[in-house]
Amino acid sequence: MDENVNAAPESGNAAGSGQADMKKNVLGFVGKFEAWLDEYMVVKAPFQIPMGGKEFLAMIAPYLIIIGVVLFVLSLPALLGLGALTGGLGMMTGHAGWGFAFLVSTVTGVITVGLEAWAVPGLFKRTRAAWRLVFYATLVSFAGSVLSMNLVGAIIGGVIGWYILFQVKELYKN
């Protein structure tokens, strides 16, 4: 009889450890990317937003997100109705790229709006956790734009969004 049958698995081979390692790698990459953005959007930025401007942006941010969430929810019937119809027709007529871009944009839009809506209470309190949720939302939005082959929009939106987000970061505490 094999002696290793009842042996406990090693910690590296435990069920789920691959997922834990992947999560650790992703969070490590996001942390490094955040540090890199902090360096280039704050420390080496050619222009700093004045403190009054930062205060104003931090004050109106939750309200802008609430307006964005409401507008997104109001657009859902059109997005899921007419958009779903034309997305399917586009794929059936050989324009599968348009259907894929529509699907990616819809999924990343829902995730982005969800993260931002989740951050609203913390944005009013100016917590670092809420700031981080908005940062994650920008990452999801950027990834969605890249996957949809909207590279110019991804770069322009990413640079502007991250510049503003990192300029006001110091106002969000734990």
N, C-alpha and C. Protein backbone atom coordinates (compact mmCIF):
# COMPACT_ATOMS: atom_id res chain seq x y z
N MET A 1 0.84 -1.17 0.00
CA MET A 1 0.00 0.00 0.00
C MET A 1 0.88 1.24 0.00
N ASP A 2 0.48 2.27 -0.69
CA ASP A 2 1.27 3.51 -0.81
C ASP A 2 1.21 4.30 0.49
N GLU A 3 2.35 4.71 1.00
CA GLU A 3 2.41 5.44 2.26
C GLU A 3 1.93 6.88 2.13
N ASN A 4 1.94 7.45 0.96
CA ASN A 4 1.59 8.85 0.76
C ASN A 4 0.10 9.09 0.56
N VAL A 5 -0.69 8.03 0.59
CA VAL A 5 -2.12 8.19 0.34
C VAL A 5 -2.77 9.07 1.41
N ASN A 6 -2.44 8.86 2.67
CA ASN A 6 -3.06 9.62 3.75
C ASN A 6 -2.24 10.82 4.19
N ALA A 7 -1.16 11.09 3.50
CA ALA A 7 -0.31 12.22 3.88
C ALA A 7 -1.01 13.53 3.55
N ALA A 8 -0.84 14.51 4.42
CA ALA A 8 -1.43 15.84 4.20
C ALA A 8 -0.70 16.52 3.05
N PRO A 9 -1.43 17.26 2.22
CA PRO A 9 -0.77 17.95 1.11
C PRO A 9 0.16 19.04 1.65
N GLU A 10 1.23 19.28 0.91
CA GLU A 10 2.14 20.35 1.27
C GLU A 10 1.46 21.68 1.06
N SER A 11 1.91 22.70 1.79
CA SER A 11 1.25 24.01 1.71
C SER A 11 1.28 24.58 0.30
N GLY A 12 2.31 24.30 -0.48
CA GLY A 12 2.39 24.80 -1.85
C GLY A 12 1.44 24.09 -2.79
N ASN A 13 1.02 22.86 -2.41
CA ASN A 13 0.15 22.09 -3.28
C ASN A 13 -1.28 22.04 -2.78
N ALA A 14 -1.59 22.78 -1.74
CA ALA A 14 -2.94 22.77 -1.18
C ALA A 14 -3.94 23.29 -2.19
N ALA A 15 -5.16 22.78 -2.09
CA ALA A 15 -6.22 23.23 -2.99
C ALA A 15 -6.44 24.73 -2.80
N GLY A 16 -6.50 25.46 -3.89
CA GLY A 16 -6.73 26.90 -3.83
C GLY A 16 -5.47 27.72 -3.71
N SER A 17 -4.33 27.08 -3.51
CA SER A 17 -3.11 27.88 -3.36
C SER A 17 -2.73 28.55 -4.67
N GLY A 18 -3.10 27.95 -5.79
CA GLY A 18 -2.85 28.59 -7.09
C GLY A 18 -3.61 29.89 -7.22
N GLN A 19 -4.84 29.89 -6.73
CA GLN A 19 -5.64 31.11 -6.75
C GLN A 19 -5.06 32.15 -5.81
N ALA A 20 -4.59 31.70 -4.66
CA ALA A 20 -4.00 32.64 -3.70
C ALA A 20 -2.73 33.25 -4.28
N ASP A 21 -1.93 32.42 -4.96
CA ASP A 21 -0.71 32.94 -5.58
C ASP A 21 -1.03 33.93 -6.69
N MET A 22 -2.05 33.61 -7.49
CA MET A 22 -2.44 34.51 -8.57
C MET A 22 -2.95 35.84 -8.00
N LYS A 23 -3.76 35.78 -6.94
CA LYS A 23 -4.28 37.00 -6.31
C LYS A 23 -3.12 37.83 -5.76
N LYS A 24 -2.16 37.15 -5.15
CA LYS A 24 -0.99 37.84 -4.59
C LYS A 24 -0.19 38.52 -5.71
N ASN A 25 -0.03 37.83 -6.84
CA ASN A 25 0.70 38.41 -7.97
C ASN A 25 -0.03 39.61 -8.56
N VAL A 26 -1.36 39.49 -8.70
CA VAL A 26 -2.14 40.61 -9.24
C VAL A 26 -2.07 41.80 -8.32
N LEU A 27 -2.26 41.57 -7.02
CA LEU A 27 -2.20 42.68 -6.07
C LEU A 27 -0.81 43.29 -6.01
N GLY A 28 0.22 42.46 -6.18
CA GLY A 28 1.59 42.98 -6.23
C GLY A 28 1.79 43.86 -7.45
N PHE A 29 1.26 43.42 -8.59
CA PHE A 29 1.37 44.22 -9.82
C PHE A 29 0.60 45.53 -9.67
N VAL A 30 -0.61 45.46 -9.12
CA VAL A 30 -1.41 46.67 -8.95
C VAL A 30 -0.71 47.64 -8.00
N GLY A 31 -0.11 47.10 -6.94
CA GLY A 31 0.63 47.95 -6.00
C GLY A 31 1.82 48.63 -6.66
N LYS A 32 2.54 47.89 -7.48
CA LYS A 32 3.68 48.48 -8.20
C LYS A 32 3.20 49.53 -9.20
N PHE A 33 2.10 49.24 -9.88
CA PHE A 33 1.55 50.19 -10.84
C PHE A 33 1.08 51.46 -10.12
N GLU A 34 0.46 51.28 -8.96
CA GLU A 34 0.02 52.44 -8.17
C GLU A 34 1.21 53.29 -7.75
N ALA A 35 2.28 52.64 -7.31
CA ALA A 35 3.49 53.38 -6.92
C ALA A 35 4.08 54.12 -8.12
N TRP A 36 4.07 53.47 -9.28
CA TRP A 36 4.60 54.10 -10.49
C TRP A 36 3.75 55.32 -10.87
N LEU A 37 2.42 55.16 -10.80
CA LEU A 37 1.54 56.28 -11.10
C LEU A 37 1.72 57.41 -10.09
N ASP A 38 1.90 57.07 -8.83
CA ASP A 38 2.13 58.08 -7.80
C ASP A 38 3.39 58.88 -8.13
N GLU A 39 4.40 58.19 -8.59
CA GLU A 39 5.66 58.86 -8.94
C GLU A 39 5.46 59.83 -10.11
N TYR A 40 4.78 59.38 -11.17
CA TYR A 40 4.66 60.21 -12.37
C TYR A 40 3.48 61.16 -12.38
N MET A 41 2.44 60.88 -11.62
CA MET A 41 1.27 61.76 -11.61
C MET A 41 1.31 62.78 -10.47
N VAL A 42 2.24 62.59 -9.52
CA VAL A 42 2.33 63.53 -8.40
C VAL A 42 3.75 64.09 -8.30
N VAL A 43 4.71 63.22 -8.03
CA VAL A 43 6.07 63.68 -7.76
C VAL A 43 6.71 64.34 -8.98
N LYS A 44 6.63 63.68 -10.14
CA LYS A 44 7.26 64.20 -11.35
C LYS A 44 6.30 64.94 -12.27
N ALA A 45 5.08 65.17 -11.82
CA ALA A 45 4.09 65.87 -12.66
C ALA A 45 4.55 67.30 -12.90
N PRO A 46 4.40 67.78 -14.13
CA PRO A 46 4.83 69.14 -14.43
C PRO A 46 3.95 70.21 -13.79
N PHE A 47 2.74 69.84 -13.41
CA PHE A 47 1.80 70.80 -12.84
C PHE A 47 1.07 70.13 -11.68
N GLN A 48 1.02 70.82 -10.55
CA GLN A 48 0.29 70.34 -9.38
C GLN A 48 -1.02 71.12 -9.27
N ILE A 49 -2.10 70.42 -8.99
CA ILE A 49 -3.36 71.10 -8.76
C ILE A 49 -3.25 71.81 -7.41
N PRO A 50 -3.62 73.10 -7.34
CA PRO A 50 -3.56 73.81 -6.05
C PRO A 50 -4.47 73.14 -5.01
N MET A 51 -4.15 73.32 -3.74
CA MET A 51 -4.91 72.67 -2.67
C MET A 51 -6.39 73.02 -2.72
N GLY A 52 -6.73 74.25 -3.07
CA GLY A 52 -8.14 74.62 -3.20
C GLY A 52 -8.84 73.81 -4.28
N GLY A 53 -8.15 73.57 -5.38
CA GLY A 53 -8.70 72.76 -6.46
C GLY A 53 -8.86 71.31 -6.04
N LYS A 54 -7.88 70.79 -5.29
CA LYS A 54 -7.98 69.42 -4.80
C LYS A 54 -9.15 69.27 -3.84
N GLU A 55 -9.32 70.24 -2.96
CA GLU A 55 -10.45 70.22 -2.02
C GLU A 55 -11.78 70.23 -2.77
N PHE A 56 -11.87 71.08 -3.80
CA PHE A 56 -13.09 71.16 -4.59
C PHE A 56 -13.38 69.83 -5.28
N LEU A 57 -12.35 69.23 -5.89
CA LEU A 57 -12.53 67.95 -6.58
C LEU A 57 -12.96 66.85 -5.60
N ALA A 58 -12.34 66.82 -4.43
CA ALA A 58 -12.70 65.81 -3.42
C ALA A 58 -14.12 66.03 -2.91
N MET A 59 -14.55 67.30 -2.84
CA MET A 59 -15.88 67.61 -2.36
C MET A 59 -16.96 67.19 -3.36
N ILE A 60 -16.72 67.41 -4.66
CA ILE A 60 -17.76 67.11 -5.65
C ILE A 60 -17.69 65.69 -6.19
N ALA A 61 -16.60 64.97 -5.94
CA ALA A 61 -16.44 63.62 -6.50
C ALA A 61 -17.59 62.68 -6.18
N PRO A 62 -18.04 62.58 -4.93
CA PRO A 62 -19.14 61.65 -4.68
C PRO A 62 -20.42 62.02 -5.42
N TYR A 63 -20.67 63.31 -5.57
CA TYR A 63 -21.87 63.75 -6.28
C TYR A 63 -21.78 63.44 -7.77
N LEU A 64 -20.59 63.61 -8.35
CA LEU A 64 -20.39 63.26 -9.76
C LEU A 64 -20.58 61.77 -9.99
N ILE A 65 -20.11 60.96 -9.05
CA ILE A 65 -20.28 59.52 -9.18
C ILE A 65 -21.75 59.14 -9.06
N ILE A 66 -22.46 59.77 -8.14
CA ILE A 66 -23.90 59.50 -7.99
C ILE A 66 -24.63 59.84 -9.29
N ILE A 67 -24.31 60.98 -9.88
CA ILE A 67 -24.92 61.36 -11.16
C ILE A 67 -24.58 60.33 -12.24
N GLY A 68 -23.33 59.90 -12.28
CA GLY A 68 -22.91 58.89 -13.26
C GLY A 68 -23.64 57.57 -13.07
N VAL A 69 -23.82 57.14 -11.83
CA VAL A 69 -24.53 55.89 -11.56
C VAL A 69 -25.98 56.01 -12.00
N VAL A 70 -26.62 57.13 -11.68
CA VAL A 70 -28.02 57.33 -12.07
C VAL A 70 -28.15 57.31 -13.60
N LEU A 71 -27.26 58.02 -14.29
CA LEU A 71 -27.32 58.03 -15.75
C LEU A 71 -27.07 56.64 -16.33
N PHE A 72 -26.17 55.88 -15.73
CA PHE A 72 -25.92 54.51 -16.20
C PHE A 72 -27.15 53.64 -16.00
N VAL A 73 -27.78 53.75 -14.84
CA VAL A 73 -28.98 52.95 -14.58
C VAL A 73 -30.10 53.33 -15.54
N LEU A 74 -30.23 54.63 -15.82
CA LEU A 74 -31.27 55.07 -16.77
C LEU A 74 -30.98 54.59 -18.19
N SER A 75 -29.72 54.36 -18.51
CA SER A 75 -29.37 53.90 -19.85
C SER A 75 -29.48 52.39 -20.01
N LEU A 76 -29.66 51.67 -18.91
CA LEU A 76 -29.71 50.21 -18.99
C LEU A 76 -30.79 49.67 -19.93
N PRO A 77 -32.01 50.20 -19.93
CA PRO A 77 -33.00 49.65 -20.86
C PRO A 77 -32.54 49.74 -22.32
N ALA A 78 -31.98 50.85 -22.71
CA ALA A 78 -31.49 50.98 -24.08
C ALA A 78 -30.28 50.09 -24.30
N LEU A 79 -29.41 50.04 -23.31
CA LEU A 79 -28.20 49.23 -23.42
C LEU A 79 -28.53 47.76 -23.55
N LEU A 80 -29.46 47.27 -22.76
CA LEU A 80 -29.80 45.85 -22.79
C LEU A 80 -30.83 45.52 -23.86
N GLY A 81 -31.60 46.49 -24.28
CA GLY A 81 -32.62 46.23 -25.29
C GLY A 81 -32.07 46.34 -26.69
N LEU A 82 -31.95 47.56 -27.17
CA LEU A 82 -31.50 47.79 -28.53
C LEU A 82 -30.06 47.34 -28.71
N GLY A 83 -29.22 47.58 -27.74
CA GLY A 83 -27.82 47.19 -27.85
C GLY A 83 -27.65 45.69 -27.95
N ALA A 84 -28.41 44.92 -27.18
CA ALA A 84 -28.32 43.47 -27.23
C ALA A 84 -28.80 42.96 -28.58
N LEU A 85 -29.84 43.58 -29.12
CA LEU A 85 -30.36 43.17 -30.42
C LEU A 85 -29.33 43.41 -31.51
N THR A 86 -28.77 44.59 -31.56
CA THR A 86 -27.82 44.88 -32.63
C THR A 86 -26.51 44.15 -32.42
N GLY A 87 -26.13 43.88 -31.17
CA GLY A 87 -24.91 43.12 -30.92
C GLY A 87 -25.02 41.73 -31.49
N GLY A 88 -26.15 41.10 -31.29
CA GLY A 88 -26.37 39.76 -31.84
C GLY A 88 -26.43 39.77 -33.35
N LEU A 89 -27.09 40.76 -33.92
CA LEU A 89 -27.16 40.86 -35.38
C LEU A 89 -25.79 41.10 -35.97
N GLY A 90 -24.99 41.90 -35.29
CA GLY A 90 -23.64 42.15 -35.78
C GLY A 90 -22.81 40.89 -35.83
N MET A 91 -22.97 40.05 -34.82
CA MET A 91 -22.20 38.80 -34.81
C MET A 91 -22.71 37.84 -35.89
N MET A 92 -24.02 37.83 -36.14
CA MET A 92 -24.57 36.91 -37.14
C MET A 92 -24.19 37.35 -38.56
N THR A 93 -23.95 38.62 -38.77
CA THR A 93 -23.61 39.09 -40.11
C THR A 93 -22.11 39.12 -40.35
N GLY A 94 -21.34 38.58 -39.44
CA GLY A 94 -19.91 38.51 -39.65
C GLY A 94 -19.13 39.64 -39.01
N HIS A 95 -19.78 40.50 -38.27
CA HIS A 95 -19.10 41.61 -37.60
C HIS A 95 -18.95 41.26 -36.11
N ALA A 96 -18.29 40.15 -35.85
CA ALA A 96 -18.17 39.65 -34.48
C ALA A 96 -17.33 40.58 -33.62
N GLY A 97 -16.42 41.32 -34.20
CA GLY A 97 -15.60 42.24 -33.42
C GLY A 97 -16.44 43.30 -32.72
N TRP A 98 -17.47 43.79 -33.41
CA TRP A 98 -18.33 44.79 -32.81
C TRP A 98 -19.10 44.18 -31.65
N GLY A 99 -19.55 42.95 -31.78
CA GLY A 99 -20.28 42.29 -30.71
C GLY A 99 -19.39 42.06 -29.50
N PHE A 100 -18.14 41.69 -29.74
CA PHE A 100 -17.20 41.48 -28.64
C PHE A 100 -16.92 42.79 -27.92
N ALA A 101 -16.70 43.86 -28.68
CA ALA A 101 -16.43 45.17 -28.07
C ALA A 101 -17.63 45.63 -27.26
N PHE A 102 -18.83 45.39 -27.76
CA PHE A 102 -20.04 45.76 -27.03
C PHE A 102 -20.13 44.98 -25.72
N LEU A 103 -19.86 43.68 -25.78
CA LEU A 103 -19.92 42.84 -24.59
C LEU A 103 -18.88 43.27 -23.56
N VAL A 104 -17.66 43.50 -24.00
CA VAL A 104 -16.59 43.93 -23.09
C VAL A 104 -16.94 45.28 -22.47
N SER A 105 -17.41 46.22 -23.28
CA SER A 105 -17.77 47.54 -22.77
C SER A 105 -18.90 47.46 -21.75
N THR A 106 -19.87 46.62 -22.01
CA THR A 106 -20.99 46.48 -21.09
C THR A 106 -20.55 45.87 -19.77
N VAL A 107 -19.78 44.79 -19.82
CA VAL A 107 -19.33 44.13 -18.60
C VAL A 107 -18.41 45.05 -17.80
N THR A 108 -17.44 45.66 -18.45
CA THR A 108 -16.54 46.54 -17.71
C THR A 108 -17.26 47.79 -17.20
N GLY A 109 -18.26 48.25 -17.94
CA GLY A 109 -19.05 49.39 -17.47
C GLY A 109 -19.82 49.06 -16.21
N VAL A 110 -20.42 47.89 -16.17
CA VAL A 110 -21.17 47.47 -14.98
C VAL A 110 -20.22 47.33 -13.78
N ILE A 111 -19.06 46.71 -13.99
CA ILE A 111 -18.10 46.55 -12.90
C ILE A 111 -17.60 47.91 -12.42
N THR A 112 -17.27 48.80 -13.36
CA THR A 112 -16.77 50.13 -13.01
C THR A 112 -17.80 50.91 -12.20
N VAL A 113 -19.03 50.93 -12.68
CA VAL A 113 -20.09 51.66 -11.98
C VAL A 113 -20.35 51.04 -10.61
N GLY A 114 -20.28 49.71 -10.53
CA GLY A 114 -20.47 49.04 -9.25
C GLY A 114 -19.39 49.42 -8.23
N LEU A 115 -18.14 49.43 -8.66
CA LEU A 115 -17.04 49.82 -7.77
C LEU A 115 -17.18 51.27 -7.33
N GLU A 116 -17.53 52.14 -8.27
CA GLU A 116 -17.69 53.55 -7.93
C GLU A 116 -18.86 53.77 -6.97
N ALA A 117 -19.97 53.08 -7.21
CA ALA A 117 -21.13 53.21 -6.32
C ALA A 117 -20.78 52.71 -4.91
N TRP A 118 -20.02 51.65 -4.84
CA TRP A 118 -19.58 51.09 -3.57
C TRP A 118 -18.68 52.08 -2.82
N ALA A 119 -17.96 52.91 -3.57
CA ALA A 119 -17.03 53.85 -2.96
C ALA A 119 -17.70 55.13 -2.44
N VAL A 120 -18.91 55.43 -2.87
CA VAL A 120 -19.54 56.72 -2.54
C VAL A 120 -19.58 57.02 -1.04
N PRO A 121 -20.04 56.12 -0.18
CA PRO A 121 -20.07 56.47 1.25
C PRO A 121 -18.68 56.82 1.79
N GLY A 122 -17.68 56.10 1.37
CA GLY A 122 -16.32 56.39 1.81
C GLY A 122 -15.76 57.66 1.22
N LEU A 123 -16.21 58.02 0.03
CA LEU A 123 -15.76 59.28 -0.57
C LEU A 123 -16.27 60.47 0.23
N PHE A 124 -17.48 60.36 0.75
CA PHE A 124 -17.98 61.43 1.61
C PHE A 124 -17.14 61.56 2.87
N LYS A 125 -16.65 60.41 3.38
CA LYS A 125 -15.83 60.40 4.59
C LYS A 125 -14.34 60.57 4.27
N ARG A 126 -14.02 60.55 2.99
CA ARG A 126 -12.64 60.67 2.49
C ARG A 126 -11.71 59.59 3.06
N THR A 127 -12.14 58.34 2.88
CA THR A 127 -11.32 57.23 3.33
C THR A 127 -10.43 56.74 2.19
N ARG A 128 -9.28 56.20 2.55
CA ARG A 128 -8.34 55.68 1.55
C ARG A 128 -8.93 54.46 0.85
N ALA A 129 -9.75 53.67 1.57
CA ALA A 129 -10.37 52.50 0.96
C ALA A 129 -11.30 52.92 -0.19
N ALA A 130 -12.03 54.00 -0.02
CA ALA A 130 -12.91 54.49 -1.09
C ALA A 130 -12.08 54.99 -2.27
N TRP A 131 -11.00 55.69 -1.98
CA TRP A 131 -10.12 56.15 -3.05
C TRP A 131 -9.60 54.95 -3.85
N ARG A 132 -9.23 53.88 -3.13
CA ARG A 132 -8.70 52.68 -3.79
C ARG A 132 -9.76 52.02 -4.67
N LEU A 133 -11.03 52.02 -4.23
CA LEU A 133 -12.10 51.47 -5.06
C LEU A 133 -12.24 52.25 -6.36
N VAL A 134 -12.13 53.57 -6.28
CA VAL A 134 -12.21 54.39 -7.49
C VAL A 134 -10.99 54.09 -8.38
N PHE A 135 -9.83 53.89 -7.77
CA PHE A 135 -8.63 53.52 -8.53
C PHE A 135 -8.85 52.19 -9.24
N TYR A 136 -9.41 51.21 -8.55
CA TYR A 136 -9.69 49.91 -9.18
C TYR A 136 -10.69 50.08 -10.32
N ALA A 137 -11.67 50.97 -10.15
CA ALA A 137 -12.65 51.23 -11.21
C ALA A 137 -11.95 51.79 -12.45
N THR A 138 -10.96 52.67 -12.24
CA THR A 138 -10.24 53.21 -13.40
C THR A 138 -9.42 52.13 -14.09
N LEU A 139 -8.89 51.19 -13.32
CA LEU A 139 -8.14 50.08 -13.92
C LEU A 139 -9.05 49.19 -14.76
N VAL A 140 -10.24 48.90 -14.25
CA VAL A 140 -11.20 48.09 -14.99
C VAL A 140 -11.63 48.81 -16.26
N SER A 141 -11.90 50.09 -16.15
CA SER A 141 -12.29 50.88 -17.31
C SER A 141 -11.18 50.90 -18.36
N PHE A 142 -9.95 51.10 -17.91
CA PHE A 142 -8.80 51.11 -18.82
C PHE A 142 -8.67 49.76 -19.52
N ALA A 143 -8.77 48.66 -18.76
CA ALA A 143 -8.66 47.32 -19.35
C ALA A 143 -9.78 47.09 -20.36
N GLY A 144 -10.99 47.54 -20.04
CA GLY A 144 -12.10 47.38 -20.97
C GLY A 144 -11.88 48.15 -22.27
N SER A 145 -11.33 49.34 -22.17
CA SER A 145 -11.04 50.12 -23.37
C SER A 145 -9.97 49.45 -24.21
N VAL A 146 -8.95 48.92 -23.56
CA VAL A 146 -7.89 48.23 -24.30
C VAL A 146 -8.44 46.97 -24.97
N LEU A 147 -9.23 46.17 -24.25
CA LEU A 147 -9.80 44.96 -24.83
C LEU A 147 -10.77 45.27 -25.97
N SER A 148 -11.41 46.44 -25.92
CA SER A 148 -12.33 46.86 -26.98
C SER A 148 -11.59 47.52 -28.14
N MET A 149 -10.26 47.53 -28.06
CA MET A 149 -9.39 48.14 -29.08
C MET A 149 -9.57 49.64 -29.19
N ASN A 150 -10.00 50.27 -28.12
CA ASN A 150 -10.11 51.72 -28.06
C ASN A 150 -8.85 52.24 -27.36
N LEU A 151 -7.73 52.07 -28.02
CA LEU A 151 -6.43 52.37 -27.39
C LEU A 151 -6.24 53.85 -27.13
N VAL A 152 -6.64 54.69 -28.06
CA VAL A 152 -6.47 56.14 -27.88
C VAL A 152 -7.34 56.62 -26.72
N GLY A 153 -8.58 56.16 -26.66
CA GLY A 153 -9.46 56.52 -25.56
C GLY A 153 -8.94 56.01 -24.22
N ALA A 154 -8.37 54.81 -24.23
CA ALA A 154 -7.81 54.24 -23.00
C ALA A 154 -6.66 55.08 -22.49
N ILE A 155 -5.78 55.48 -23.38
CA ILE A 155 -4.61 56.26 -22.97
C ILE A 155 -5.01 57.65 -22.49
N ILE A 156 -5.85 58.33 -23.27
CA ILE A 156 -6.27 59.69 -22.89
C ILE A 156 -7.08 59.66 -21.59
N GLY A 157 -8.05 58.77 -21.52
CA GLY A 157 -8.87 58.66 -20.32
C GLY A 157 -8.06 58.24 -19.11
N GLY A 158 -7.15 57.29 -19.32
CA GLY A 158 -6.31 56.83 -18.22
C GLY A 158 -5.42 57.93 -17.67
N VAL A 159 -4.73 58.64 -18.55
CA VAL A 159 -3.81 59.69 -18.10
C VAL A 159 -4.56 60.80 -17.38
N ILE A 160 -5.65 61.27 -17.93
CA ILE A 160 -6.41 62.35 -17.29
C ILE A 160 -7.02 61.87 -15.97
N GLY A 161 -7.65 60.71 -16.00
CA GLY A 161 -8.28 60.19 -14.79
C GLY A 161 -7.28 59.91 -13.68
N TRP A 162 -6.16 59.26 -14.03
CA TRP A 162 -5.16 58.95 -13.01
C TRP A 162 -4.47 60.20 -12.50
N TYR A 163 -4.27 61.19 -13.36
CA TYR A 163 -3.66 62.44 -12.89
C TYR A 163 -4.53 63.08 -11.81
N ILE A 164 -5.81 63.23 -12.09
CA ILE A 164 -6.72 63.85 -11.12
C ILE A 164 -6.82 62.98 -9.86
N LEU A 165 -6.97 61.68 -10.05
CA LEU A 165 -7.12 60.78 -8.91
C LEU A 165 -5.89 60.81 -8.00
N PHE A 166 -4.72 60.82 -8.58
CA PHE A 166 -3.51 60.81 -7.76
C PHE A 166 -3.19 62.19 -7.18
N GLN A 167 -3.65 63.23 -7.82
CA GLN A 167 -3.46 64.56 -7.26
C GLN A 167 -4.27 64.74 -5.97
N VAL A 168 -5.45 64.12 -5.88
CA VAL A 168 -6.29 64.27 -4.69
C VAL A 168 -6.07 63.16 -3.66
N LYS A 169 -5.21 62.22 -3.96
CA LYS A 169 -4.99 61.05 -3.08
C LYS A 169 -4.65 61.45 -1.65
N GLU A 170 -3.86 62.50 -1.49
CA GLU A 170 -3.41 62.90 -0.16
C GLU A 170 -4.56 63.34 0.76
N LEU A 171 -5.73 63.66 0.18
CA LEU A 171 -6.87 64.10 0.97
C LEU A 171 -7.66 62.92 1.57
N TYR A 172 -7.35 61.71 1.12
CA TYR A 172 -8.08 60.51 1.57
C TYR A 172 -7.21 59.77 2.57
N LYS A 173 -7.68 59.70 3.79
CA LYS A 173 -6.94 59.06 4.89
C LYS A 173 -7.65 57.78 5.31
N ASN A 174 -6.97 56.99 6.10
CA ASN A 174 -7.56 55.73 6.61
C ASN A 174 -8.53 55.98 7.71
